[in-house]
C-alpha atoms as a PDB file:
ATOM      1  CA  UNK A   1     113.097  88.424 132.356  1.00  0.00           C
ATOM      2  CA  UNK A   2     111.685  90.052 129.234  1.00  0.00           C
ATOM      3  CA  UNK A   3     112.747  93.566 128.398  1.00  0.00           C
ATOM      4  CA  UNK A   4     109.816  95.948 127.984  1.00  0.00           C
ATOM      5  CA  UNK A   5     109.042  98.716 125.500  1.00  0.00           C
ATOM      6  CA  UNK A   6     106.260 101.247 125.859  1.00  0.00           C
ATOM      7  CA  UNK A   7     105.156 103.006 122.671  1.00  0.00           C
ATOM      8  CA  UNK A   8     103.672 106.407 123.526  1.00  0.00           C
ATOM      9  CA  UNK A   9     101.467 108.268 121.057  1.00  0.00           C
ATOM     10  CA  UNK A  10      99.300 111.382 121.219  1.00  0.00           C
ATOM     11  CA  UNK A  11      96.132 109.331 120.835  1.00  0.00           C
ATOM     12  CA  UNK A  12      92.696 109.469 119.287  1.00  0.00           C
ATOM     13  CA  UNK A  13      89.198 108.133 120.002  1.00  0.00           C
ATOM     14  CA  UNK A  14      88.747 104.456 119.204  1.00  0.00           C
ATOM     15  CA  UNK A  15      85.029 105.052 118.717  1.00  0.00           C
ATOM     16  CA  UNK A  16      82.493 107.881 118.897  1.00  0.00           C
ATOM     17  CA  UNK A  17      82.020 107.363 122.629  1.00  0.00           C
ATOM     18  CA  UNK A  18      85.628 108.342 123.320  1.00  0.00           C
ATOM     19  CA  UNK A  19      85.688 111.622 121.382  1.00  0.00           C
ATOM     20  CA  UNK A  20      84.889 113.883 124.341  1.00  0.00           C
ATOM     21  CA  UNK A  21      87.505 112.196 126.560  1.00  0.00           C
ATOM     22  CA  UNK A  22      90.137 112.578 123.838  1.00  0.00           C
ATOM     23  CA  UNK A  23      89.361 116.260 123.201  1.00  0.00           C
ATOM     24  CA  UNK A  24      89.223 117.128 126.902  1.00  0.00           C
ATOM     25  CA  UNK A  25      92.613 115.479 127.496  1.00  0.00           C
ATOM     26  CA  UNK A  26      93.997 117.313 124.479  1.00  0.00           C
ATOM     27  CA  UNK A  27      92.713 120.816 125.144  1.00  0.00           C
ATOM     28  CA  UNK A  28      93.113 120.853 128.926  1.00  0.00           C
ATOM     29  CA  UNK A  29      96.821 120.015 128.652  1.00  0.00           C
ATOM     30  CA  UNK A  30      98.623 123.304 129.426  1.00  0.00           C
ATOM     31  CA  UNK A  31     101.421 122.441 126.994  1.00  0.00           C
ATOM     32  CA  UNK A  32      98.953 121.837 124.156  1.00  0.00           C
ATOM     33  CA  UNK A  33      96.373 124.562 124.809  1.00  0.00           C
ATOM     34  CA  UNK A  34      99.011 127.090 125.794  1.00  0.00           C
ATOM     35  CA  UNK A  35      97.399 130.469 126.490  1.00  0.00           C
ATOM     36  CA  UNK A  36      98.544 133.372 128.710  1.00  0.00           C
ATOM     37  CA  UNK A  37      95.560 133.058 131.035  1.00  0.00           C
ATOM     38  CA  UNK A  38      95.122 132.206 134.729  1.00  0.00           C
ATOM     39  CA  UNK A  39      94.971 128.419 135.007  1.00  0.00           C
ATOM     40  CA  UNK A  40      91.375 128.221 136.247  1.00  0.00           C
ATOM     41  CA  UNK A  41      90.201 130.309 133.267  1.00  0.00           C
ATOM     42  CA  UNK A  42      92.397 128.450 130.762  1.00  0.00           C
ATOM     43  CA  UNK A  43      91.124 125.063 132.004  1.00  0.00           C
ATOM     44  CA  UNK A  44      87.449 126.050 131.833  1.00  0.00           C
ATOM     45  CA  UNK A  45      87.900 127.587 128.383  1.00  0.00           C
ATOM     46  CA  UNK A  46      89.743 124.498 127.160  1.00  0.00           C
ATOM     47  CA  UNK A  47      87.009 122.180 128.396  1.00  0.00           C
ATOM     48  CA  UNK A  48      84.330 124.374 126.820  1.00  0.00           C
ATOM     49  CA  UNK A  49      86.103 124.341 123.452  1.00  0.00           C
ATOM     50  CA  UNK A  50      86.603 120.572 123.623  1.00  0.00           C
ATOM     51  CA  UNK A  51      82.927 119.893 124.274  1.00  0.00           C
ATOM     52  CA  UNK A  52      81.820 122.391 121.616  1.00  0.00           C
ATOM     53  CA  UNK A  53      84.060 120.802 118.985  1.00  0.00           C
ATOM     54  CA  UNK A  54      83.017 117.223 119.772  1.00  0.00           C
ATOM     55  CA  UNK A  55      79.912 117.016 117.503  1.00  0.00           C
ATOM     56  CA  UNK A  56      81.734 118.470 114.475  1.00  0.00           C
ATOM     57  CA  UNK A  57      84.738 116.237 115.047  1.00  0.00           C
ATOM     58  CA  UNK A  58      82.426 113.233 115.394  1.00  0.00           C
ATOM     59  CA  UNK A  59      81.053 113.822 111.906  1.00  0.00           C
ATOM     60  CA  UNK A  60      84.582 113.875 110.485  1.00  0.00           C
ATOM     61  CA  UNK A  61      85.568 110.667 112.262  1.00  0.00           C
ATOM     62  CA  UNK A  62      82.351 108.972 111.084  1.00  0.00           C
ATOM     63  CA  UNK A  63      83.230 109.746 107.469  1.00  0.00           C
ATOM     64  CA  UNK A  64      86.573 107.930 107.714  1.00  0.00           C
ATOM     65  CA  UNK A  65      85.118 104.434 107.929  1.00  0.00           C
ATOM     66  CA  UNK A  66      86.679 103.284 111.213  1.00  0.00           C
ATOM     67  CA  UNK A  67      83.552 102.865 113.308  1.00  0.00           C
ATOM     68  CA  UNK A  68      83.242 106.501 114.314  1.00  0.00           C
ATOM     69  CA  UNK A  69      86.765 106.774 115.679  1.00  0.00           C
ATOM     70  CA  UNK A  70      90.390 107.067 114.643  1.00  0.00           C
ATOM     71  CA  UNK A  71      92.650 104.192 113.552  1.00  0.00           C
ATOM     72  CA  UNK A  72      95.635 105.629 115.442  1.00  0.00           C
ATOM     73  CA  UNK A  73      95.280 103.300 118.445  1.00  0.00           C
ATOM     74  CA  UNK A  74      94.847 100.158 116.353  1.00  0.00           C
ATOM     75  CA  UNK A  75      97.702 101.227 114.076  1.00  0.00           C
ATOM     76  CA  UNK A  76      99.963 101.776 117.089  1.00  0.00           C
ATOM     77  CA  UNK A  77      98.991  98.317 118.345  1.00  0.00           C
ATOM     78  CA  UNK A  78     100.081  96.891 114.983  1.00  0.00           C
ATOM     79  CA  UNK A  79     103.370  98.760 115.274  1.00  0.00           C
ATOM     80  CA  UNK A  80     103.872  97.295 118.756  1.00  0.00           C
ATOM     81  CA  UNK A  81     103.315  93.770 117.437  1.00  0.00           C
ATOM     82  CA  UNK A  82     105.705  94.356 114.522  1.00  0.00           C
ATOM     83  CA  UNK A  83     108.323  95.945 116.789  1.00  0.00           C
ATOM     84  CA  UNK A  84     108.242  93.008 119.175  1.00  0.00           C
ATOM     85  CA  UNK A  85     108.815  90.616 116.287  1.00  0.00           C
ATOM     86  CA  UNK A  86     111.698  92.741 114.970  1.00  0.00           C
ATOM     87  CA  UNK A  87     113.360  92.945 118.392  1.00  0.00           C
ATOM     88  CA  UNK A  88     113.043  89.213 118.980  1.00  0.00           C
ATOM     89  CA  UNK A  89     114.501  88.535 115.546  1.00  0.00           C
ATOM     90  CA  UNK A  90     117.460  90.845 116.220  1.00  0.00           C
ATOM     91  CA  UNK A  91     118.186  89.635 119.750  1.00  0.00           C
ATOM     92  CA  UNK A  92     116.899  86.078 119.878  1.00  0.00           C
ATOM     93  CA  UNK A  93     115.184  86.785 123.200  1.00  0.00           C
ATOM     94  CA  UNK A  94     111.691  87.689 124.356  1.00  0.00           C
ATOM     95  CA  UNK A  95     110.340  91.234 124.480  1.00  0.00           C
ATOM     96  CA  UNK A  96     107.134  92.793 125.779  1.00  0.00           C
ATOM     97  CA  UNK A  97     105.852  95.790 123.788  1.00  0.00           C
ATOM     98  CA  UNK A  98     102.847  97.781 125.005  1.00  0.00           C
ATOM     99  CA  UNK A  99     101.189 101.039 123.963  1.00  0.00           C
ATOM    100  CA  UNK A 100      99.691 104.036 125.717  1.00  0.00           C
ATOM    101  CA  UNK A 101      98.226 107.405 124.722  1.00  0.00           C
ATOM    102  CA  UNK A 102      98.635 110.918 126.108  1.00  0.00           C
ATOM    103  CA  UNK A 103      95.019 111.712 125.164  1.00  0.00           C
ATOM    104  CA  UNK A 104      92.178 109.209 125.292  1.00  0.00           C
ATOM    105  CA  UNK A 105      92.674 105.495 125.835  1.00  0.00           C
ATOM    106  CA  UNK A 106      94.673 103.508 126.747  1.00  0.00           C
ATOM    107  CA  UNK A 107      95.374 106.348 129.157  1.00  0.00           C
ATOM    108  CA  UNK A 108      98.995 106.936 130.190  1.00  0.00           C
ATOM    109  CA  UNK A 109      97.746 108.368 133.509  1.00  0.00           C
ATOM    110  CA  UNK A 110      96.580 104.920 134.649  1.00  0.00           C
ATOM    111  CA  UNK A 111     100.067 103.412 134.448  1.00  0.00           C
ATOM    112  CA  UNK A 112     102.280 102.887 137.473  1.00  0.00           C
ATOM    113  CA  UNK A 113     105.498 104.684 138.267  1.00  0.00           C
ATOM    114  CA  UNK A 114     107.425 101.515 137.438  1.00  0.00           C
ATOM    115  CA  UNK A 115     105.796 101.334 134.025  1.00  0.00           C
ATOM    116  CA  UNK A 116     106.860 104.915 133.296  1.00  0.00           C
ATOM    117  CA  UNK A 117     110.409 104.876 134.671  1.00  0.00           C
ATOM    118  CA  UNK A 118     112.885 104.468 131.793  1.00  0.00           C
ATOM    119  CA  UNK A 119     115.769 102.018 132.144  1.00  0.00           C
ATOM    120  CA  UNK A 120     117.710  99.543 130.020  1.00  0.00           C
ATOM    121  CA  UNK A 121     114.958  97.025 130.798  1.00  0.00           C
ATOM    122  CA  UNK A 122     112.016  99.403 130.334  1.00  0.00           C
ATOM    123  CA  UNK A 123     112.326 101.497 127.171  1.00  0.00           C
ATOM    124  CA  UNK A 124     109.963 104.431 126.680  1.00  0.00           C
ATOM    125  CA  UNK A 125     109.526 105.348 123.005  1.00  0.00           C
ATOM    126  CA  UNK A 126     107.430 108.456 122.224  1.00  0.00           C
ATOM    127  CA  UNK A 127     106.396 108.178 118.575  1.00  0.00           C
ATOM    128  CA  UNK A 128     107.256 111.788 117.776  1.00  0.00           C
ATOM    129  CA  UNK A 129     110.184 112.171 115.332  1.00  0.00           C
ATOM    130  CA  UNK A 130     110.586 115.849 116.303  1.00  0.00           C
ATOM    131  CA  UNK A 131     110.557 117.535 119.690  1.00  0.00           C
ATOM    132  CA  UNK A 132     107.729 119.895 120.555  1.00  0.00           C
ATOM    133  CA  UNK A 133     106.419 121.301 123.800  1.00  0.00           C
ATOM    134  CA  UNK A 134     102.965 120.072 122.747  1.00  0.00           C
ATOM    135  CA  UNK A 135     104.022 116.446 122.222  1.00  0.00           C
ATOM    136  CA  UNK A 136     107.356 115.280 123.668  1.00  0.00           C
ATOM    137  CA  UNK A 137     107.398 117.773 126.543  1.00  0.00           C
ATOM    138  CA  UNK A 138     103.727 117.151 127.272  1.00  0.00           C
ATOM    139  CA  UNK A 139     104.283 113.396 127.588  1.00  0.00           C
ATOM    140  CA  UNK A 140     107.389 113.943 129.735  1.00  0.00           C
ATOM    141  CA  UNK A 141     105.393 116.268 131.997  1.00  0.00           C
ATOM    142  CA  UNK A 142     102.642 113.680 132.494  1.00  0.00           C
ATOM    143  CA  UNK A 143     105.254 111.060 133.356  1.00  0.00           C
ATOM    144  CA  UNK A 144     107.007 113.415 135.783  1.00  0.00           C
ATOM    145  CA  UNK A 145     103.733 113.979 137.654  1.00  0.00           C
ATOM    146  CA  UNK A 146     103.423 110.216 138.165  1.00  0.00           C
ATOM    147  CA  UNK A 147     107.050 109.264 138.835  1.00  0.00           C
ATOM    148  CA  UNK A 148     108.444 112.478 140.297  1.00  0.00           C
ATOM    149  CA  UNK A 149     111.258 112.427 137.731  1.00  0.00           C
ATOM    150  CA  UNK A 150     111.423 113.953 134.263  1.00  0.00           C
ATOM    151  CA  UNK A 151     112.347 111.061 131.915  1.00  0.00           C
ATOM    152  CA  UNK A 152     113.920 113.239 129.220  1.00  0.00           C
ATOM    153  CA  UNK A 153     117.532 112.298 128.648  1.00  0.00           C
ATOM    154  CA  UNK A 154     117.421 109.323 131.004  1.00  0.00           C
ATOM    155  CA  UNK A 155     118.733 105.941 129.903  1.00  0.00           C
ATOM    156  CA  UNK A 156     115.809 104.062 128.378  1.00  0.00           C
ATOM    157  CA  UNK A 157     114.096 107.191 127.007  1.00  0.00           C
ATOM    158  CA  UNK A 158     114.144 107.410 123.201  1.00  0.00           C
ATOM    159  CA  UNK A 159     114.339 111.066 122.236  1.00  0.00           C
ATOM    160  CA  UNK A 160     113.409 112.676 118.899  1.00  0.00           C
ATOM    161  CA  UNK A 161     114.777 110.554 116.059  1.00  0.00           C
ATOM    162  CA  UNK A 162     114.377 112.875 113.050  1.00  0.00           C
ATOM    163  CA  UNK A 163     118.128 112.776 112.362  1.00  0.00           C
ATOM    164  CA  UNK A 164     118.655 109.030 112.876  1.00  0.00           C
ATOM    165  CA  UNK A 165     120.295 107.539 109.790  1.00  0.00           C
ATOM    166  CA  UNK A 166     118.201 104.348 109.766  1.00  0.00           C
ATOM    167  CA  UNK A 167     114.975 106.297 110.206  1.00  0.00           C
ATOM    168  CA  UNK A 168     115.876 108.631 107.343  1.00  0.00           C
ATOM    169  CA  UNK A 169     116.795 105.753 105.057  1.00  0.00           C
ATOM    170  CA  UNK A 170     113.487 104.003 105.864  1.00  0.00           C
ATOM    171  CA  UNK A 171     111.614 107.124 104.719  1.00  0.00           C
ATOM    172  CA  UNK A 172     113.716 107.303 101.565  1.00  0.00           C
ATOM    173  CA  UNK A 173     112.846 103.686 100.757  1.00  0.00           C
ATOM    174  CA  UNK A 174     109.166 104.276 101.528  1.00  0.00           C
ATOM    175  CA  UNK A 175     108.823 107.329  99.282  1.00  0.00           C
ATOM    176  CA  UNK A 176     110.809 105.862  96.383  1.00  0.00           C
ATOM    177  CA  UNK A 177     108.972 102.551  96.808  1.00  0.00           C
ATOM    178  CA  UNK A 178     105.646 104.370  96.597  1.00  0.00           C
ATOM    179  CA  UNK A 179     106.692 106.334  93.513  1.00  0.00           C
ATOM    180  CA  UNK A 180     108.052 103.273  91.710  1.00  0.00           C
ATOM    181  CA  UNK A 181     105.158 100.956  92.612  1.00  0.00           C
ATOM    182  CA  UNK A 182     107.390  98.652  94.664  1.00  0.00           C
ATOM    183  CA  UNK A 183     106.226  99.531  98.165  1.00  0.00           C
ATOM    184  CA  UNK A 184     105.706  96.390 100.216  1.00  0.00           C
ATOM    185  CA  UNK A 185     103.252  96.286 103.118  1.00  0.00           C
ATOM    186  CA  UNK A 186      99.698  97.168 104.088  1.00  0.00           C
ATOM    187  CA  UNK A 187      98.734 100.844 104.208  1.00  0.00           C
ATOM    188  CA  UNK A 188      95.366 102.398 105.054  1.00  0.00           C
ATOM    189  CA  UNK A 189      93.323 103.918 102.198  1.00  0.00           C
ATOM    190  CA  UNK A 190      96.240 103.658  99.828  1.00  0.00           C
ATOM    191  CA  UNK A 191      96.800 101.984  96.483  1.00  0.00           C
ATOM    192  CA  UNK A 192     100.557 101.605  96.717  1.00  0.00           C
ATOM    193  CA  UNK A 193     101.034  99.169  93.862  1.00  0.00           C
ATOM    194  CA  UNK A 194     100.774 101.492  90.863  1.00  0.00           C
ATOM    195  CA  UNK A 195     103.985 103.090  89.645  1.00  0.00           C
ATOM    196  CA  UNK A 196     103.841 106.829  88.952  1.00  0.00           C
ATOM    197  CA  UNK A 197     105.103 107.704  85.460  1.00  0.00           C
ATOM    198  CA  UNK A 198     108.110 110.029  85.500  1.00  0.00           C
ATOM    199  CA  UNK A 199     107.971 110.159  89.310  1.00  0.00           C
ATOM    200  CA  UNK A 200     111.420 111.685  89.357  1.00  0.00           C
ATOM    201  CA  UNK A 201     109.904 115.029  88.325  1.00  0.00           C
ATOM    202  CA  UNK A 202     106.809 115.157  90.523  1.00  0.00           C
ATOM    203  CA  UNK A 203     106.489 118.192  92.836  1.00  0.00           C
ATOM    204  CA  UNK A 204     106.890 116.876  96.388  1.00  0.00           C
ATOM    205  CA  UNK A 205     105.317 118.584  99.411  1.00  0.00           C
ATOM    206  CA  UNK A 206     106.433 117.610 102.903  1.00  0.00           C
ATOM    207  CA  UNK A 207     103.465 118.379 105.165  1.00  0.00           C
ATOM    208  CA  UNK A 208     104.127 118.573 108.914  1.00  0.00           C
ATOM    209  CA  UNK A 209     101.681 119.135 111.744  1.00  0.00           C
ATOM    210  CA  UNK A 210     101.709 122.826 112.578  1.00  0.00           C
ATOM    211  CA  UNK A 211     102.232 124.386 115.999  1.00  0.00           C
ATOM    212  CA  UNK A 212     101.419 127.891 117.288  1.00  0.00           C
ATOM    213  CA  UNK A 213     104.112 130.508 116.706  1.00  0.00           C
ATOM    214  CA  UNK A 214     103.950 131.364 120.412  1.00  0.00           C
ATOM    215  CA  UNK A 215     105.586 127.971 121.092  1.00  0.00           C
ATOM    216  CA  UNK A 216     108.402 128.760 118.669  1.00  0.00           C
ATOM    217  CA  UNK A 217     108.949 132.061 120.517  1.00  0.00           C
ATOM    218  CA  UNK A 218     109.312 130.064 123.739  1.00  0.00           C
ATOM    219  CA  UNK A 219     112.224 128.175 122.210  1.00  0.00           C
ATOM    220  CA  UNK A 220     110.421 125.167 120.751  1.00  0.00           C
ATOM    221  CA  UNK A 221     112.858 123.583 118.231  1.00  0.00           C
ATOM    222  CA  UNK A 222     110.115 121.766 116.312  1.00  0.00           C
ATOM    223  CA  UNK A 223     110.247 123.788 113.113  1.00  0.00           C
ATOM    224  CA  UNK A 224     114.063 123.711 112.988  1.00  0.00           C
ATOM    225  CA  UNK A 225     114.058 119.924 113.444  1.00  0.00           C
ATOM    226  CA  UNK A 226     111.410 119.434 110.746  1.00  0.00           C
ATOM    227  CA  UNK A 227     113.416 121.587 108.334  1.00  0.00           C
ATOM    228  CA  UNK A 228     116.564 119.571 109.079  1.00  0.00           C
ATOM    229  CA  UNK A 229     114.611 116.334 108.602  1.00  0.00           C
ATOM    230  CA  UNK A 230     113.363 117.466 105.185  1.00  0.00           C
ATOM    231  CA  UNK A 231     116.777 118.695 104.061  1.00  0.00           C
ATOM    232  CA  UNK A 232     118.551 115.443 104.954  1.00  0.00           C
ATOM    233  CA  UNK A 233     115.798 113.247 103.548  1.00  0.00           C
ATOM    234  CA  UNK A 234     115.793 115.225 100.328  1.00  0.00           C
ATOM    235  CA  UNK A 235     119.515 114.545  99.926  1.00  0.00           C
ATOM    236  CA  UNK A 236     118.781 110.813 100.083  1.00  0.00           C
ATOM    237  CA  UNK A 237     115.913 111.139  97.627  1.00  0.00           C
ATOM    238  CA  UNK A 238     118.168 113.015  95.178  1.00  0.00           C
ATOM    239  CA  UNK A 239     120.652 110.144  95.324  1.00  0.00           C
ATOM    240  CA  UNK A 240     117.757 107.777  94.601  1.00  0.00           C
ATOM    241  CA  UNK A 241     116.853 109.656  91.423  1.00  0.00           C
ATOM    242  CA  UNK A 242     114.299 112.242  92.526  1.00  0.00           C
ATOM    243  CA  UNK A 243     114.749 115.507  90.598  1.00  0.00           C
ATOM    244  CA  UNK A 244     111.466 117.344  91.224  1.00  0.00           C
ATOM    245  CA  UNK A 245     110.890 120.506  93.229  1.00  0.00           C
ATOM    246  CA  UNK A 246     110.235 120.115  96.949  1.00  0.00           C
ATOM    247  CA  UNK A 247     108.321 122.214  99.457  1.00  0.00           C
ATOM    248  CA  UNK A 248     107.648 122.252 103.207  1.00  0.00           C
ATOM    249  CA  UNK A 249     104.287 123.263 104.656  1.00  0.00           C
ATOM    250  CA  UNK A 250     102.253 122.848 107.845  1.00  0.00           C
ATOM    251  CA  UNK A 251      98.735 121.558 108.446  1.00  0.00           C
ATOM    252  CA  UNK A 252      96.032 121.099 111.103  1.00  0.00           C
ATOM    253  CA  UNK A 253      95.868 124.697 112.301  1.00  0.00           C
ATOM    254  CA  UNK A 254      93.328 125.283 115.105  1.00  0.00           C
ATOM    255  CA  UNK A 255      91.992 128.652 116.269  1.00  0.00           C
ATOM    256  CA  UNK A 256      92.713 132.244 115.248  1.00  0.00           C
ATOM    257  CA  UNK A 257      96.297 132.516 116.539  1.00  0.00           C
ATOM    258  CA  UNK A 258      99.278 132.521 114.171  1.00  0.00           C
ATOM    259  CA  UNK A 259     100.702 129.073 113.396  1.00  0.00           C
ATOM    260  CA  UNK A 260     103.746 127.833 111.522  1.00  0.00           C
ATOM    261  CA  UNK A 261     103.614 128.690 107.825  1.00  0.00           C
ATOM    262  CA  UNK A 262     103.127 128.198 104.978  1.00  0.00           C
ATOM    263  CA  UNK A 263      99.904 126.343 105.564  1.00  0.00           C
ATOM    264  CA  UNK A 264      99.518 123.251 103.360  1.00  0.00           C
ATOM    265  CA  UNK A 265      96.224 124.504 101.907  1.00  0.00           C
ATOM    266  CA  UNK A 266      97.848 127.798 100.906  1.00  0.00           C
ATOM    267  CA  UNK A 267     100.803 125.881  99.501  1.00  0.00           C
ATOM    268  CA  UNK A 268      98.616 123.695  97.269  1.00  0.00           C
ATOM    269  CA  UNK A 269      96.694 126.699  95.991  1.00  0.00           C
ATOM    270  CA  UNK A 270      99.939 128.473  95.160  1.00  0.00           C
ATOM    271  CA  UNK A 271     101.366 125.417  93.410  1.00  0.00           C
ATOM    272  CA  UNK A 272      98.212 125.240  91.312  1.00  0.00           C
ATOM    273  CA  UNK A 273      98.470 128.910  90.385  1.00  0.00           C
ATOM    274  CA  UNK A 274     102.141 128.452  89.503  1.00  0.00           C
ATOM    275  CA  UNK A 275     101.355 125.658  87.055  1.00  0.00           C
ATOM    276  CA  UNK A 276     102.379 122.559  88.999  1.00  0.00           C
ATOM    277  CA  UNK A 277     100.260 119.731  87.583  1.00  0.00           C
ATOM    278  CA  UNK A 278     101.581 116.695  89.481  1.00  0.00           C
ATOM    279  CA  UNK A 279     101.934 116.923  93.256  1.00  0.00           C
ATOM    280  CA  UNK A 280     102.715 114.313  95.905  1.00  0.00           C
ATOM    281  CA  UNK A 281     102.404 114.898  99.655  1.00  0.00           C
ATOM    282  CA  UNK A 282     104.392 113.086 102.327  1.00  0.00           C
ATOM    283  CA  UNK A 283     103.335 113.535 106.014  1.00  0.00           C
ATOM    284  CA  UNK A 284     106.804 114.251 107.391  1.00  0.00           C
ATOM    285  CA  UNK A 285     105.864 114.534 111.091  1.00  0.00           C
ATOM    286  CA  UNK A 286     103.570 111.490 111.311  1.00  0.00           C
ATOM    287  CA  UNK A 287     104.522 107.842 111.849  1.00  0.00           C
ATOM    288  CA  UNK A 288     101.090 106.308 111.228  1.00  0.00           C
ATOM    289  CA  UNK A 289      97.992 107.179 109.234  1.00  0.00           C
ATOM    290  CA  UNK A 290      94.991 108.693 111.013  1.00  0.00           C
ATOM    291  CA  UNK A 291      92.710 111.735 110.798  1.00  0.00           C
ATOM    292  CA  UNK A 292      95.350 114.234 109.645  1.00  0.00           C
ATOM    293  CA  UNK A 293      96.683 112.018 106.868  1.00  0.00           C
ATOM    294  CA  UNK A 294      93.601 110.111 105.742  1.00  0.00           C
ATOM    295  CA  UNK A 295      91.016 112.882 105.979  1.00  0.00           C
ATOM    296  CA  UNK A 296      93.015 116.118 105.722  1.00  0.00           C
ATOM    297  CA  UNK A 297      95.670 115.067 103.216  1.00  0.00           C
ATOM    298  CA  UNK A 298      93.702 112.275 101.574  1.00  0.00           C
ATOM    299  CA  UNK A 299      90.372 114.061 101.072  1.00  0.00           C
ATOM    300  CA  UNK A 300      90.343 117.764 101.971  1.00  0.00           C
ATOM    301  CA  UNK A 301      93.721 118.655 100.491  1.00  0.00           C
ATOM    302  CA  UNK A 302      93.107 116.464  97.439  1.00  0.00           C
ATOM    303  CA  UNK A 303      89.914 118.362  96.620  1.00  0.00           C
ATOM    304  CA  UNK A 304      91.659 121.707  97.103  1.00  0.00           C
ATOM    305  CA  UNK A 305      94.499 120.554  94.848  1.00  0.00           C
ATOM    306  CA  UNK A 306      92.109 119.648  92.034  1.00  0.00           C
ATOM    307  CA  UNK A 307      90.201 122.925  92.453  1.00  0.00           C
ATOM    308  CA  UNK A 308      93.523 124.769  92.200  1.00  0.00           C
ATOM    309  CA  UNK A 309      94.427 123.242  88.840  1.00  0.00           C
ATOM    310  CA  UNK A 310      96.627 120.368  89.969  1.00  0.00           C
ATOM    311  CA  UNK A 311      95.886 117.417  87.684  1.00  0.00           C
ATOM    312  CA  UNK A 312      97.510 114.474  89.516  1.00  0.00           C
ATOM    313  CA  UNK A 313      97.576 114.275  93.313  1.00  0.00           C
ATOM    314  CA  UNK A 314      99.323 111.551  95.315  1.00  0.00           C
ATOM    315  CA  UNK A 315      99.094 110.883  99.049  1.00  0.00           C
ATOM    316  CA  UNK A 316     102.178 108.993 100.197  1.00  0.00           C
ATOM    317  CA  UNK A 317     101.301 106.907 103.275  1.00  0.00           C
ATOM    318  CA  UNK A 318     102.889 107.348 106.691  1.00  0.00           C
ATOM    319  CA  UNK A 319     105.366 104.589 107.676  1.00  0.00           C
ATOM    320  CA  UNK A 320     102.995 102.566 109.859  1.00  0.00           C
ATOM    321  CA  UNK A 321     104.323  99.008 109.965  1.00  0.00           C
ATOM    322  CA  UNK A 322     106.633  99.426 106.978  1.00  0.00           C
ATOM    323  CA  UNK A 323     109.428  96.932 107.708  1.00  0.00           C
ATOM    324  CA  UNK A 324     112.456  99.270 107.297  1.00  0.00           C
ATOM    325  CA  UNK A 325     110.781 101.815 109.605  1.00  0.00           C
ATOM    326  CA  UNK A 326     110.040  99.181 112.252  1.00  0.00           C
ATOM    327  CA  UNK A 327     113.662  98.020 111.990  1.00  0.00           C
ATOM    328  CA  UNK A 328     114.787 101.615 112.556  1.00  0.00           C
ATOM    329  CA  UNK A 329     112.623 101.802 115.701  1.00  0.00           C
ATOM    330  CA  UNK A 330     114.071  98.492 116.880  1.00  0.00           C
ATOM    331  CA  UNK A 331     117.614  99.846 116.535  1.00  0.00           C
ATOM    332  CA  UNK A 332     116.644 102.942 118.544  1.00  0.00           C
ATOM    333  CA  UNK A 333     115.291 100.680 121.280  1.00  0.00           C
ATOM    334  CA  UNK A 334     118.379  98.478 121.312  1.00  0.00           C
ATOM    335  CA  UNK A 335     120.651 101.501 121.744  1.00  0.00           C
ATOM    336  CA  UNK A 336     118.761 102.412 124.901  1.00  0.00           C
ATOM    337  CA  UNK A 337     118.749  98.799 126.107  1.00  0.00           C
ATOM    338  CA  UNK A 338     122.543  98.659 126.155  1.00  0.00           C
ATOM    339  CA  UNK A 339     124.145  99.134 129.605  1.00  0.00           C
ATOM    340  CA  UNK A 340     125.978 102.415 130.003  1.00  0.00           C
ATOM    341  CA  UNK A 341     129.725 102.156 129.768  1.00  0.00           C
ATOM    342  CA  UNK A 342     131.660 103.565 132.668  1.00  0.00           C
END
């Protein structure tokens, strides 16, 4: 019998027709759209906001060149194919690797309890390096509603992997490979074959997806885990020759409430004012390229950087199907596939 792996991602619309479904799933989730309101008011407000945002979001997706949608589903499918190959190479046996999304399609809510019950033969792998109420806890809550059991901490559930040594080393190789022009693999909207002169002294910004401060006040460890991730990764980069200044910032803020800071836009403007001429951005909380990396970092932030006086701007791609990263995921899966020792 083949062992199974289920890759779980937040999701995105595959085409323009799925935008409303994606936004409704996203904003009606009480762990994502977390407001101190009675549930019937919060739900109606969330749905209203989702539908109001849909036309503006559609224009952004249309500009990306992926048929009016996001590449996140197709990129996750590629990761599933690559992960299956890596697992079969490591074990010599057959594996089945599928994908599902918390928002949009393929919809996690259509899966059976058996599909969503973690075990050594059925590995659940949320593609979130860091824990957050709005991602990891949200997915676990959806699964609990279907299975009756919270999967967190169960055998077969891969938890946040921001501190995993193989994951960290894969990011080190990716960033140094990008800087030196030796990065192997296919990456969306990225010319990864040109070495950056004197890359060792580029200013490096680690940009993570932001979350509302109200989640941090509820005990969400996301920011602490991102900071730890950056600190440990930076140690590896220093050993690999990187000597430039580094910074952490947060992107993708939505609404008027206070979010994690500094915001990446503010950071770039400050770097420009402070005389930084060469800046690279790595999307520290993302494992594949999509709207936030291709459009926000690749276009919006680039334009802001140039307007702020930054001369050279580099968008380092997310890991995607980068072989060392896929190998790191395979090792995480194999740890959960091992029988527990008594």
